[in-house]
């Protein structure tokens, strides 16, 4: 039935892929993916600190309803990330302290919810990764419909079951299973380059000549007068 189905994952990123990406900033991964995929600026970390990394178990649900999220938690294995498209609605919370406590016992790596949470006071003092669009005290419904392990979209971030999910203080990004090797190589190179730039800044050796070159290429007026 359309809008009411549960599926197994066919492909998913390996534990080795998860671990090698864990040390890379989300911003570097986003940059090398041409800054196109984005879950939106409202999807923020609700936990105190800590990086999220793991293969996605995806959920599409009616706003404010968490029946299929419960099912996804039951289907997930240790290291998985539950990723939920609930339309960004903040009227009712999708998860709270009780569901998170249970997910921890299963070894689930964390949650990404395009919707609301509750029990923020507890979640915000913990390092267990939870990303969400907002907070409300109003609880969820458990009626469905919904789907587990189908392709979903959080803003322009399209996520297939098993894709690599990364989250840090800057937000969340997803890397398709087929692209992990290429994206990792580029993101690692980007991270090394930025580390070198920071070292140059600290040593007072920053080269900013690129600014005038860029302005000259665009035909900016007044450069000669300003620089003389």
N, C-alpha and C. Protein backbone atom coordinates (compact mmCIF):
# COMPACT_ATOMS: atom_id res chain seq x y z
N UNK A 1 0.85 -1.20 0.00
CA UNK A 1 0.00 0.00 0.00
C UNK A 1 0.88 1.24 0.00
N UNK A 2 0.55 2.21 -0.82
CA UNK A 2 1.33 3.45 -0.90
C UNK A 2 1.23 4.19 0.43
N UNK A 3 2.39 4.55 0.96
CA UNK A 3 2.44 5.30 2.21
C UNK A 3 2.37 4.44 3.45
N UNK A 4 2.31 3.13 3.29
CA UNK A 4 2.28 2.24 4.45
C UNK A 4 3.04 0.97 4.09
N UNK A 5 4.36 0.98 4.36
CA UNK A 5 5.19 -0.15 3.99
C UNK A 5 6.47 -0.18 4.81
N UNK A 6 7.04 -1.37 4.92
CA UNK A 6 8.28 -1.60 5.65
C UNK A 6 9.20 -2.44 4.77
N UNK A 7 10.46 -2.03 4.65
CA UNK A 7 11.39 -2.70 3.75
C UNK A 7 12.71 -2.99 4.44
N UNK A 8 13.43 -3.98 3.92
CA UNK A 8 14.80 -4.24 4.36
C UNK A 8 15.76 -3.39 3.53
N UNK A 9 16.88 -3.04 4.13
CA UNK A 9 17.92 -2.37 3.35
C UNK A 9 18.64 -3.38 2.46
N UNK A 10 19.00 -2.94 1.27
CA UNK A 10 19.75 -3.80 0.35
C UNK A 10 21.24 -3.47 0.43
N UNK A 11 21.56 -2.18 0.45
CA UNK A 11 22.95 -1.73 0.51
C UNK A 11 23.12 -0.79 1.70
N UNK A 12 24.28 -0.81 2.30
CA UNK A 12 24.58 0.16 3.36
C UNK A 12 26.08 0.28 3.53
N UNK A 13 26.52 1.44 4.01
CA UNK A 13 27.95 1.69 4.16
C UNK A 13 28.53 0.79 5.24
N UNK A 14 29.81 0.49 5.08
CA UNK A 14 30.48 -0.41 6.02
C UNK A 14 30.89 0.32 7.29
N UNK A 15 31.18 -0.46 8.32
CA UNK A 15 31.67 0.12 9.57
C UNK A 15 32.98 0.85 9.34
N UNK A 16 33.83 0.32 8.46
CA UNK A 16 35.10 0.98 8.16
C UNK A 16 34.88 2.34 7.53
N UNK A 17 33.89 2.46 6.62
CA UNK A 17 33.57 3.75 6.03
C UNK A 17 33.09 4.74 7.08
N UNK A 18 32.25 4.26 7.97
CA UNK A 18 31.74 5.12 9.04
C UNK A 18 32.88 5.68 9.86
N UNK A 19 33.82 4.84 10.24
CA UNK A 19 34.91 5.26 11.11
C UNK A 19 35.85 6.23 10.43
N UNK A 20 36.14 6.04 9.14
CA UNK A 20 37.08 6.95 8.49
C UNK A 20 36.47 8.32 8.25
N UNK A 21 35.15 8.39 8.07
CA UNK A 21 34.49 9.69 7.91
C UNK A 21 34.31 10.42 9.24
N UNK A 22 34.31 9.70 10.33
CA UNK A 22 33.98 10.28 11.63
C UNK A 22 34.88 11.47 11.99
N UNK A 23 36.11 11.42 11.54
CA UNK A 23 37.07 12.48 11.89
C UNK A 23 37.00 13.69 10.96
N UNK A 24 36.16 13.64 9.92
CA UNK A 24 36.08 14.74 8.96
C UNK A 24 34.94 15.69 9.31
N UNK A 25 35.17 17.00 9.26
CA UNK A 25 34.09 17.96 9.51
C UNK A 25 32.99 17.85 8.45
N UNK A 26 31.77 18.00 8.88
CA UNK A 26 30.64 18.00 7.96
C UNK A 26 30.81 19.07 6.88
N UNK A 27 31.34 20.23 7.26
CA UNK A 27 31.51 21.32 6.29
C UNK A 27 32.44 20.92 5.15
N UNK A 28 33.51 20.18 5.46
CA UNK A 28 34.43 19.73 4.40
C UNK A 28 33.75 18.75 3.46
N UNK A 29 32.95 17.84 4.01
CA UNK A 29 32.22 16.88 3.19
C UNK A 29 31.21 17.61 2.31
N UNK A 30 30.52 18.58 2.89
CA UNK A 30 29.55 19.36 2.13
C UNK A 30 30.22 20.13 1.00
N UNK A 31 31.39 20.72 1.28
CA UNK A 31 32.10 21.50 0.26
C UNK A 31 32.43 20.65 -0.97
N UNK A 32 32.94 19.44 -0.73
CA UNK A 32 33.37 18.62 -1.87
C UNK A 32 32.18 17.97 -2.58
N UNK A 33 30.99 18.09 -2.00
CA UNK A 33 29.78 17.66 -2.69
C UNK A 33 29.09 18.87 -3.34
N UNK A 34 29.93 19.89 -3.63
CA UNK A 34 29.50 21.10 -4.34
C UNK A 34 28.47 21.91 -3.58
N UNK A 35 28.40 21.72 -2.25
CA UNK A 35 27.54 22.52 -1.37
C UNK A 35 26.07 22.47 -1.79
N UNK A 36 25.69 21.37 -2.42
CA UNK A 36 24.31 21.21 -2.88
C UNK A 36 23.43 20.53 -1.83
N UNK A 37 23.82 19.35 -1.30
CA UNK A 37 22.93 18.67 -0.34
C UNK A 37 22.87 19.42 0.98
N UNK A 38 21.69 19.73 1.44
CA UNK A 38 21.55 20.44 2.72
C UNK A 38 20.20 20.10 3.35
N UNK A 39 20.24 19.77 4.62
CA UNK A 39 19.00 19.44 5.33
C UNK A 39 18.28 20.68 5.83
N UNK A 40 18.90 21.84 5.64
CA UNK A 40 18.27 23.08 6.07
C UNK A 40 18.84 23.59 7.37
N UNK A 41 18.87 24.91 7.55
CA UNK A 41 19.49 25.49 8.74
C UNK A 41 18.71 25.26 10.03
N UNK A 42 17.46 24.83 9.94
CA UNK A 42 16.69 24.59 11.16
C UNK A 42 16.98 23.23 11.79
N UNK A 43 17.63 22.35 11.07
CA UNK A 43 17.94 21.02 11.60
C UNK A 43 19.24 21.13 12.41
N UNK A 44 19.11 21.18 13.72
CA UNK A 44 20.23 21.50 14.58
C UNK A 44 20.50 20.40 15.60
N UNK A 45 21.75 20.32 16.11
CA UNK A 45 22.04 19.37 17.18
C UNK A 45 21.32 19.78 18.46
N UNK A 46 20.61 18.84 19.05
CA UNK A 46 19.91 19.09 20.30
C UNK A 46 20.69 18.56 21.51
N UNK A 47 21.74 17.77 21.24
CA UNK A 47 22.54 17.19 22.30
C UNK A 47 23.68 18.14 22.68
N UNK A 48 24.37 17.79 23.76
CA UNK A 48 25.42 18.67 24.29
C UNK A 48 26.63 18.74 23.36
N UNK A 49 27.13 17.60 22.94
CA UNK A 49 28.30 17.55 22.07
C UNK A 49 28.42 16.16 21.50
N UNK A 50 29.22 16.04 20.44
CA UNK A 50 29.46 14.72 19.87
C UNK A 50 29.09 14.61 18.42
N UNK A 51 29.84 13.77 17.70
CA UNK A 51 29.67 13.56 16.27
C UNK A 51 28.74 12.38 16.02
N UNK A 52 27.90 12.52 15.01
CA UNK A 52 27.02 11.43 14.58
C UNK A 52 27.56 10.84 13.29
N UNK A 53 27.66 9.52 13.23
CA UNK A 53 28.10 8.85 12.01
C UNK A 53 27.53 7.44 11.98
N UNK A 54 26.95 7.05 10.84
CA UNK A 54 26.42 5.70 10.72
C UNK A 54 25.53 5.57 9.49
N UNK A 55 25.20 4.33 9.12
CA UNK A 55 24.29 4.10 7.99
C UNK A 55 22.85 4.42 8.36
N UNK A 56 22.11 4.94 7.39
CA UNK A 56 20.75 5.40 7.64
C UNK A 56 19.73 4.27 7.62
N UNK A 57 18.85 4.28 8.61
CA UNK A 57 17.56 3.61 8.54
C UNK A 57 16.55 4.74 8.35
N UNK A 58 15.92 4.79 7.20
CA UNK A 58 15.07 5.93 6.87
C UNK A 58 13.61 5.69 7.24
N UNK A 59 12.95 6.79 7.59
CA UNK A 59 11.52 6.75 7.94
C UNK A 59 10.83 7.94 7.29
N UNK A 60 9.72 7.68 6.62
CA UNK A 60 8.83 8.75 6.19
C UNK A 60 7.54 8.59 6.96
N UNK A 61 7.11 9.62 7.66
CA UNK A 61 5.93 9.49 8.51
C UNK A 61 5.03 10.70 8.40
N UNK A 62 3.78 10.48 8.74
CA UNK A 62 2.86 11.60 8.85
C UNK A 62 3.36 12.54 9.95
N UNK A 63 3.29 13.87 9.73
CA UNK A 63 3.76 14.80 10.76
C UNK A 63 3.12 14.51 12.12
N UNK A 64 3.98 14.45 13.15
CA UNK A 64 3.49 14.26 14.50
C UNK A 64 3.19 12.83 14.88
N UNK A 65 3.49 11.87 14.01
CA UNK A 65 3.18 10.46 14.28
C UNK A 65 4.48 9.65 14.32
N UNK A 66 4.65 8.81 15.34
CA UNK A 66 5.92 8.09 15.46
C UNK A 66 5.78 6.57 15.43
N UNK A 67 4.65 6.05 14.95
CA UNK A 67 4.48 4.59 14.87
C UNK A 67 5.61 3.94 14.08
N UNK A 68 5.93 4.49 12.91
CA UNK A 68 6.97 3.90 12.08
C UNK A 68 8.37 4.16 12.62
N UNK A 69 8.52 5.17 13.45
CA UNK A 69 9.82 5.37 14.10
C UNK A 69 10.07 4.25 15.10
N UNK A 70 9.02 3.86 15.83
CA UNK A 70 9.14 2.71 16.74
C UNK A 70 9.53 1.46 15.96
N UNK A 71 8.91 1.26 14.79
CA UNK A 71 9.23 0.09 13.98
C UNK A 71 10.67 0.15 13.49
N UNK A 72 11.12 1.33 13.08
CA UNK A 72 12.49 1.48 12.60
C UNK A 72 13.51 1.16 13.69
N UNK A 73 13.22 1.58 14.91
CA UNK A 73 14.12 1.27 16.03
C UNK A 73 14.22 -0.23 16.23
N UNK A 74 13.10 -0.92 16.10
CA UNK A 74 13.11 -2.38 16.25
C UNK A 74 13.91 -3.05 15.14
N UNK A 75 13.88 -2.48 13.94
CA UNK A 75 14.59 -3.06 12.79
C UNK A 75 16.07 -2.72 12.80
N UNK A 76 16.44 -1.62 13.41
CA UNK A 76 17.82 -1.14 13.35
C UNK A 76 18.77 -2.06 14.11
N UNK A 77 20.04 -2.01 13.69
CA UNK A 77 21.10 -2.74 14.39
C UNK A 77 22.08 -1.73 14.96
N UNK A 78 22.96 -2.21 15.82
CA UNK A 78 23.94 -1.33 16.46
C UNK A 78 24.72 -0.54 15.42
N UNK A 79 24.84 0.75 15.66
CA UNK A 79 25.56 1.63 14.76
C UNK A 79 24.70 2.37 13.76
N UNK A 80 23.44 1.97 13.60
CA UNK A 80 22.54 2.63 12.66
C UNK A 80 22.11 4.01 13.16
N UNK A 81 21.73 4.85 12.20
CA UNK A 81 21.16 6.17 12.49
C UNK A 81 19.73 6.18 11.98
N UNK A 82 18.79 6.55 12.84
CA UNK A 82 17.38 6.67 12.44
C UNK A 82 17.17 8.07 11.87
N UNK A 83 16.78 8.13 10.59
CA UNK A 83 16.60 9.42 9.91
C UNK A 83 15.14 9.54 9.50
N UNK A 84 14.48 10.61 9.94
CA UNK A 84 13.03 10.72 9.81
C UNK A 84 12.62 11.97 9.04
N UNK A 85 11.85 11.75 7.98
CA UNK A 85 11.19 12.85 7.26
C UNK A 85 9.76 12.95 7.77
N UNK A 86 9.53 13.96 8.59
CA UNK A 86 8.18 14.21 9.10
C UNK A 86 7.66 15.56 8.62
N UNK A 87 8.20 16.01 7.51
CA UNK A 87 7.70 17.23 6.89
C UNK A 87 8.09 18.51 7.58
N UNK A 88 8.94 18.44 8.61
CA UNK A 88 9.35 19.64 9.32
C UNK A 88 8.31 20.19 10.27
N UNK A 89 7.22 19.49 10.46
CA UNK A 89 6.16 19.96 11.35
C UNK A 89 6.63 19.89 12.80
N UNK A 90 6.34 20.94 13.58
CA UNK A 90 6.79 21.01 14.97
C UNK A 90 5.64 20.98 15.97
N UNK A 91 4.47 20.59 15.50
CA UNK A 91 3.29 20.60 16.37
C UNK A 91 3.40 19.54 17.47
N UNK A 92 3.85 18.35 17.11
CA UNK A 92 3.98 17.25 18.07
C UNK A 92 5.39 16.69 18.02
N UNK A 93 5.91 16.33 19.19
CA UNK A 93 7.24 15.72 19.26
C UNK A 93 7.20 14.31 18.71
N UNK A 94 8.29 13.92 18.05
CA UNK A 94 8.39 12.57 17.49
C UNK A 94 9.06 11.59 18.44
N UNK A 95 10.05 12.06 19.19
CA UNK A 95 10.72 11.22 20.17
C UNK A 95 11.01 12.04 21.42
N UNK A 96 11.35 11.34 22.49
CA UNK A 96 11.73 11.99 23.73
C UNK A 96 12.66 11.08 24.52
N UNK A 97 12.77 11.36 25.80
CA UNK A 97 13.71 10.66 26.66
C UNK A 97 13.51 9.16 26.67
N UNK A 98 12.27 8.70 26.70
CA UNK A 98 12.00 7.26 26.82
C UNK A 98 12.47 6.51 25.57
N UNK A 99 12.13 7.01 24.39
CA UNK A 99 12.53 6.33 23.15
C UNK A 99 14.04 6.34 22.99
N UNK A 100 14.67 7.45 23.36
CA UNK A 100 16.13 7.53 23.26
C UNK A 100 16.78 6.54 24.21
N UNK A 101 16.26 6.44 25.41
CA UNK A 101 16.82 5.48 26.38
C UNK A 101 16.77 4.06 25.83
N UNK A 102 15.66 3.73 25.18
CA UNK A 102 15.54 2.39 24.60
C UNK A 102 16.48 2.21 23.42
N UNK A 103 16.59 3.24 22.56
CA UNK A 103 17.48 3.16 21.40
C UNK A 103 18.92 2.95 21.84
N UNK A 104 19.30 3.56 22.92
CA UNK A 104 20.66 3.39 23.44
C UNK A 104 20.94 1.93 23.78
N UNK A 105 19.95 1.24 24.34
CA UNK A 105 20.17 -0.16 24.72
C UNK A 105 20.40 -1.03 23.50
N UNK A 106 19.94 -0.59 22.33
CA UNK A 106 20.14 -1.34 21.08
C UNK A 106 21.41 -0.92 20.35
N UNK A 107 22.10 0.08 20.88
CA UNK A 107 23.33 0.54 20.24
C UNK A 107 23.11 1.44 19.05
N UNK A 108 21.89 1.97 18.89
CA UNK A 108 21.62 2.89 17.79
C UNK A 108 22.46 4.15 17.96
N UNK A 109 23.08 4.61 16.86
CA UNK A 109 24.08 5.67 16.94
C UNK A 109 23.47 7.05 17.19
N UNK A 110 22.22 7.26 16.79
CA UNK A 110 21.61 8.56 16.99
C UNK A 110 20.40 8.76 16.10
N UNK A 111 19.85 9.98 16.15
CA UNK A 111 18.63 10.31 15.42
C UNK A 111 18.80 11.61 14.64
N UNK A 112 18.16 11.65 13.47
CA UNK A 112 18.01 12.88 12.70
C UNK A 112 16.53 12.99 12.37
N UNK A 113 15.89 14.08 12.80
CA UNK A 113 14.44 14.20 12.68
C UNK A 113 14.06 15.54 12.08
N UNK A 114 13.42 15.51 10.91
CA UNK A 114 12.85 16.74 10.37
C UNK A 114 11.48 16.93 11.01
N UNK A 115 11.55 17.24 12.30
CA UNK A 115 10.39 17.37 13.15
C UNK A 115 10.88 17.75 14.54
N UNK A 116 10.03 17.60 15.53
CA UNK A 116 10.34 18.07 16.88
C UNK A 116 10.66 16.93 17.83
N UNK A 117 11.37 17.29 18.91
CA UNK A 117 11.60 16.40 20.03
C UNK A 117 10.95 16.99 21.28
N UNK A 118 10.92 16.20 22.35
CA UNK A 118 10.61 16.77 23.66
C UNK A 118 11.63 16.20 24.67
N UNK A 119 11.49 16.61 25.93
CA UNK A 119 12.48 16.27 26.96
C UNK A 119 13.83 16.88 26.60
N UNK A 120 13.80 18.09 26.12
CA UNK A 120 15.02 18.77 25.70
C UNK A 120 16.00 18.95 26.85
N UNK A 121 15.47 19.17 28.04
CA UNK A 121 16.34 19.37 29.19
C UNK A 121 17.27 18.20 29.42
N UNK A 122 16.77 17.00 29.19
CA UNK A 122 17.58 15.79 29.35
C UNK A 122 18.49 15.60 28.13
N UNK A 123 17.93 15.72 26.95
CA UNK A 123 18.69 15.50 25.72
C UNK A 123 19.84 16.48 25.59
N UNK A 124 19.61 17.73 25.97
CA UNK A 124 20.63 18.77 25.82
C UNK A 124 21.80 18.60 26.77
N UNK A 125 21.63 17.79 27.80
CA UNK A 125 22.71 17.55 28.76
C UNK A 125 23.44 16.24 28.50
N UNK A 126 23.11 15.59 27.40
CA UNK A 126 23.69 14.29 27.07
C UNK A 126 24.51 14.42 25.79
N UNK A 127 25.46 13.52 25.59
CA UNK A 127 26.27 13.51 24.38
C UNK A 127 25.74 12.54 23.32
N UNK A 128 24.57 11.99 23.55
CA UNK A 128 23.96 11.09 22.57
C UNK A 128 23.41 11.93 21.42
N UNK A 129 23.86 11.68 20.16
CA UNK A 129 23.52 12.57 19.06
C UNK A 129 22.04 12.55 18.67
N UNK A 130 21.43 13.72 18.74
CA UNK A 130 20.05 13.91 18.31
C UNK A 130 19.98 15.24 17.57
N UNK A 131 19.60 15.18 16.29
CA UNK A 131 19.41 16.38 15.49
C UNK A 131 17.92 16.51 15.19
N UNK A 132 17.39 17.71 15.34
CA UNK A 132 15.96 17.92 15.10
C UNK A 132 15.71 19.36 14.68
N UNK A 133 14.48 19.62 14.25
CA UNK A 133 14.11 20.95 13.77
C UNK A 133 13.50 21.83 14.85
N UNK A 134 13.16 21.24 16.01
CA UNK A 134 12.55 22.05 17.05
C UNK A 134 12.18 21.23 18.27
N UNK A 135 11.53 21.91 19.22
CA UNK A 135 11.16 21.31 20.50
C UNK A 135 9.72 21.67 20.83
N UNK A 136 8.97 20.70 21.34
CA UNK A 136 7.63 20.96 21.86
C UNK A 136 7.30 19.93 22.93
N UNK A 137 6.48 20.33 23.88
CA UNK A 137 6.09 19.38 24.94
C UNK A 137 4.98 18.43 24.49
N UNK A 138 4.30 18.75 23.40
CA UNK A 138 3.15 17.95 22.96
C UNK A 138 3.63 16.62 22.39
N UNK A 139 3.07 15.53 22.89
CA UNK A 139 3.49 14.20 22.49
C UNK A 139 2.98 13.77 21.13
N UNK A 140 3.49 12.64 20.62
CA UNK A 140 3.14 12.16 19.29
C UNK A 140 1.89 11.29 19.26
N UNK A 141 1.40 11.05 18.06
CA UNK A 141 0.38 10.04 17.80
C UNK A 141 1.08 8.76 17.35
N UNK A 142 0.37 7.66 17.41
CA UNK A 142 0.93 6.37 17.02
C UNK A 142 -0.06 5.62 16.13
N UNK A 143 -0.46 6.28 15.06
CA UNK A 143 -1.49 5.73 14.17
C UNK A 143 -0.99 5.43 12.77
N UNK A 144 0.17 5.98 12.37
CA UNK A 144 0.60 5.87 10.99
C UNK A 144 -0.17 6.88 10.14
N UNK A 145 -0.07 6.80 8.82
CA UNK A 145 0.75 5.85 8.07
C UNK A 145 2.22 6.23 8.11
N UNK A 146 3.01 5.50 7.33
CA UNK A 146 4.43 5.78 7.25
C UNK A 146 5.15 4.67 6.53
N UNK A 147 6.44 4.90 6.26
CA UNK A 147 7.25 3.92 5.54
C UNK A 147 8.63 3.84 6.17
N UNK A 148 9.22 2.65 6.15
CA UNK A 148 10.57 2.44 6.66
C UNK A 148 11.45 1.94 5.52
N UNK A 149 12.64 2.53 5.44
CA UNK A 149 13.65 2.18 4.43
C UNK A 149 13.16 2.41 3.00
N UNK A 150 12.73 3.67 2.79
CA UNK A 150 12.46 4.20 1.46
C UNK A 150 13.31 5.46 1.31
N UNK A 151 13.50 5.93 0.11
CA UNK A 151 14.23 7.18 -0.09
C UNK A 151 13.41 8.35 0.45
N UNK A 152 14.08 9.25 1.15
CA UNK A 152 13.42 10.41 1.74
C UNK A 152 14.21 11.66 1.39
N UNK A 153 13.63 12.82 1.69
CA UNK A 153 14.33 14.09 1.46
C UNK A 153 14.12 15.00 2.66
N UNK A 154 15.23 15.50 3.19
CA UNK A 154 15.20 16.54 4.22
C UNK A 154 15.73 17.80 3.57
N UNK A 155 14.84 18.70 3.15
CA UNK A 155 15.27 19.82 2.34
C UNK A 155 15.79 19.31 1.02
N UNK A 156 17.01 19.74 0.64
CA UNK A 156 17.62 19.24 -0.59
C UNK A 156 18.52 18.04 -0.35
N UNK A 157 18.48 17.51 0.87
CA UNK A 157 19.30 16.35 1.22
C UNK A 157 18.49 15.08 0.99
N UNK A 158 18.80 14.40 -0.11
CA UNK A 158 18.11 13.15 -0.45
C UNK A 158 18.87 11.99 0.18
N UNK A 159 18.16 11.13 0.89
CA UNK A 159 18.79 10.05 1.65
C UNK A 159 18.13 8.73 1.28
N UNK A 160 18.95 7.78 0.87
CA UNK A 160 18.48 6.42 0.61
C UNK A 160 18.85 5.54 1.80
N UNK A 161 18.11 4.47 2.02
CA UNK A 161 18.46 3.55 3.10
C UNK A 161 19.90 3.07 2.96
N UNK A 162 20.65 3.14 4.04
CA UNK A 162 22.03 2.69 4.03
C UNK A 162 23.06 3.75 3.72
N UNK A 163 22.63 4.94 3.28
CA UNK A 163 23.57 6.03 3.03
C UNK A 163 24.28 6.42 4.32
N UNK A 164 25.47 6.98 4.16
CA UNK A 164 26.23 7.43 5.33
C UNK A 164 25.68 8.75 5.82
N UNK A 165 25.36 8.81 7.11
CA UNK A 165 24.89 10.03 7.75
C UNK A 165 25.99 10.58 8.64
N UNK A 166 26.30 11.87 8.46
CA UNK A 166 27.28 12.55 9.28
C UNK A 166 26.65 13.79 9.90
N UNK A 167 26.91 14.01 11.18
CA UNK A 167 26.39 15.20 11.84
C UNK A 167 27.37 15.74 12.85
N UNK A 168 27.53 17.07 12.86
CA UNK A 168 28.31 17.72 13.90
C UNK A 168 27.66 19.06 14.20
N UNK A 169 28.38 19.97 14.84
CA UNK A 169 27.77 21.24 15.26
C UNK A 169 27.27 22.07 14.10
N UNK A 170 27.75 21.81 12.88
CA UNK A 170 27.30 22.56 11.70
C UNK A 170 26.04 22.00 11.07
N UNK A 171 25.62 20.79 11.47
CA UNK A 171 24.43 20.19 10.88
C UNK A 171 24.68 18.78 10.37
N UNK A 172 23.88 18.40 9.39
CA UNK A 172 23.86 17.01 8.92
C UNK A 172 24.06 16.97 7.41
N UNK A 173 24.82 15.95 6.96
CA UNK A 173 24.97 15.69 5.53
C UNK A 173 24.88 14.18 5.32
N UNK A 174 24.51 13.77 4.11
CA UNK A 174 24.44 12.35 3.77
C UNK A 174 25.30 12.09 2.55
N UNK A 175 26.01 10.96 2.56
CA UNK A 175 26.84 10.55 1.43
C UNK A 175 26.27 9.25 0.87
N UNK A 176 25.88 9.23 -0.41
CA UNK A 176 25.34 8.00 -1.00
C UNK A 176 26.35 6.86 -0.93
N UNK A 177 25.84 5.65 -0.77
CA UNK A 177 26.70 4.47 -0.65
C UNK A 177 27.70 4.40 -1.80
N UNK A 178 27.24 4.65 -3.01
CA UNK A 178 28.10 4.51 -4.19
C UNK A 178 29.20 5.57 -4.26
N UNK A 179 29.07 6.64 -3.48
CA UNK A 179 30.00 7.77 -3.60
C UNK A 179 30.98 7.88 -2.45
N UNK A 180 30.95 6.97 -1.47
CA UNK A 180 31.74 7.17 -0.26
C UNK A 180 33.23 7.27 -0.54
N UNK A 181 33.77 6.45 -1.42
CA UNK A 181 35.21 6.47 -1.68
C UNK A 181 35.65 7.79 -2.29
N UNK A 182 34.94 8.22 -3.32
CA UNK A 182 35.30 9.46 -3.98
C UNK A 182 35.14 10.67 -3.08
N UNK A 183 34.03 10.73 -2.34
CA UNK A 183 33.79 11.85 -1.44
C UNK A 183 34.82 11.87 -0.31
N UNK A 184 35.16 10.70 0.20
CA UNK A 184 36.15 10.66 1.29
C UNK A 184 37.50 11.20 0.82
N UNK A 185 37.94 10.78 -0.34
CA UNK A 185 39.24 11.23 -0.85
C UNK A 185 39.27 12.75 -1.01
N UNK A 186 38.22 13.31 -1.55
CA UNK A 186 38.16 14.76 -1.75
C UNK A 186 38.05 15.50 -0.42
N UNK A 187 37.22 14.97 0.50
CA UNK A 187 37.03 15.64 1.79
C UNK A 187 38.30 15.59 2.63
N UNK A 188 39.02 14.48 2.56
CA UNK A 188 40.29 14.38 3.29
C UNK A 188 41.29 15.39 2.76
N UNK A 189 41.37 15.51 1.43
CA UNK A 189 42.26 16.51 0.82
C UNK A 189 41.87 17.92 1.24
N UNK A 190 40.57 18.20 1.26
CA UNK A 190 40.07 19.51 1.68
C UNK A 190 40.43 19.78 3.13
N UNK A 191 40.26 18.79 3.98
CA UNK A 191 40.55 18.94 5.41
C UNK A 191 42.05 19.21 5.63
N UNK A 192 42.90 18.50 4.91
CA UNK A 192 44.34 18.72 5.04
C UNK A 192 44.72 20.13 4.57
N UNK A 193 44.10 20.58 3.49
CA UNK A 193 44.39 21.92 2.97
C UNK A 193 43.98 23.00 3.97
N UNK A 194 42.83 22.83 4.60
CA UNK A 194 42.37 23.82 5.58
C UNK A 194 43.24 23.79 6.82
N UNK A 195 43.70 22.60 7.22
CA UNK A 195 44.61 22.51 8.35
C UNK A 195 45.90 23.27 8.06
N UNK A 196 46.41 23.14 6.85
CA UNK A 196 47.61 23.87 6.46
C UNK A 196 47.37 25.38 6.44
N UNK A 197 46.18 25.79 6.00
CA UNK A 197 45.84 27.21 6.01
C UNK A 197 45.81 27.77 7.42
N UNK A 198 45.26 27.03 8.35
CA UNK A 198 45.21 27.47 9.74
C UNK A 198 46.61 27.61 10.33
N UNK A 199 47.49 26.69 9.97
CA UNK A 199 48.87 26.76 10.44
C UNK A 199 49.57 27.99 9.86
N UNK A 200 49.27 28.30 8.60
CA UNK A 200 49.85 29.49 7.97
C UNK A 200 49.34 30.77 8.62
N UNK A 201 48.06 30.80 8.95
CA UNK A 201 47.48 31.96 9.63
C UNK A 201 48.17 32.17 10.98
N UNK A 202 48.32 31.09 11.73
CA UNK A 202 48.96 31.18 13.04
C UNK A 202 50.40 31.66 12.94
N UNK A 203 51.07 31.33 11.82
CA UNK A 203 52.48 31.71 11.63
C UNK A 203 52.62 33.07 10.96
N UNK A 204 51.50 33.73 10.67
CA UNK A 204 51.54 35.04 10.01
C UNK A 204 51.98 34.98 8.57
N UNK A 205 51.69 33.88 7.89
CA UNK A 205 52.15 33.69 6.51
C UNK A 205 50.98 33.57 5.53
N UNK A 206 49.88 34.21 5.86
CA UNK A 206 48.70 34.11 5.00
C UNK A 206 48.86 34.93 3.73
N UNK A 207 48.60 34.33 2.59
CA UNK A 207 48.68 35.01 1.30
C UNK A 207 47.27 35.40 0.86
N UNK A 208 46.98 36.70 0.87
CA UNK A 208 45.65 37.19 0.49
C UNK A 208 45.65 37.84 -0.89
N UNK A 209 46.67 37.59 -1.68
CA UNK A 209 46.74 38.20 -3.01
C UNK A 209 45.61 37.74 -3.92
N UNK A 210 44.99 36.61 -3.58
CA UNK A 210 43.90 36.08 -4.40
C UNK A 210 42.71 37.04 -4.43
N UNK A 211 42.57 37.88 -3.38
CA UNK A 211 41.41 38.78 -3.32
C UNK A 211 41.45 39.77 -4.49
N UNK A 212 42.61 40.44 -4.66
CA UNK A 212 42.71 41.41 -5.75
C UNK A 212 42.67 40.73 -7.11
N UNK A 213 43.23 39.53 -7.21
CA UNK A 213 43.14 38.81 -8.48
C UNK A 213 41.70 38.53 -8.86
N UNK A 214 40.91 38.13 -7.86
CA UNK A 214 39.49 37.85 -8.12
C UNK A 214 38.74 39.12 -8.50
N UNK A 215 39.03 40.23 -7.81
CA UNK A 215 38.36 41.49 -8.11
C UNK A 215 38.77 42.02 -9.49
N UNK A 216 40.05 41.88 -9.83
CA UNK A 216 40.52 42.30 -11.15
C UNK A 216 39.84 41.51 -12.26
N UNK A 217 39.72 40.21 -12.04
CA UNK A 217 39.07 39.36 -13.04
C UNK A 217 37.62 39.75 -13.26
N UNK A 218 37.00 40.33 -12.23
CA UNK A 218 35.60 40.74 -12.35
C UNK A 218 35.46 42.19 -12.83
N UNK A 219 36.60 42.87 -13.06
CA UNK A 219 36.54 44.23 -13.55
C UNK A 219 36.23 45.26 -12.49
N UNK A 220 36.64 45.03 -11.26
CA UNK A 220 36.35 45.95 -10.16
C UNK A 220 37.07 47.27 -10.36
N UNK A 221 36.36 48.39 -10.24
CA UNK A 221 36.92 49.71 -10.40
C UNK A 221 37.60 50.18 -9.11
N UNK A 222 38.61 51.01 -9.23
CA UNK A 222 39.22 51.65 -8.07
C UNK A 222 40.34 50.90 -7.40
N UNK A 223 40.70 49.72 -7.87
CA UNK A 223 41.73 48.93 -7.20
C UNK A 223 43.09 49.61 -7.19
N UNK A 224 43.44 50.23 -8.33
CA UNK A 224 44.74 50.88 -8.41
C UNK A 224 44.87 52.02 -7.40
N UNK A 225 43.80 52.81 -7.27
CA UNK A 225 43.82 53.92 -6.32
C UNK A 225 43.90 53.43 -4.88
N UNK A 226 43.16 52.41 -4.57
CA UNK A 226 43.13 51.90 -3.21
C UNK A 226 44.47 51.29 -2.83
N UNK A 227 45.11 50.59 -3.77
CA UNK A 227 46.34 49.86 -3.47
C UNK A 227 47.60 50.70 -3.64
N UNK A 228 47.45 51.92 -4.15
CA UNK A 228 48.64 52.74 -4.40
C UNK A 228 49.07 53.49 -3.14
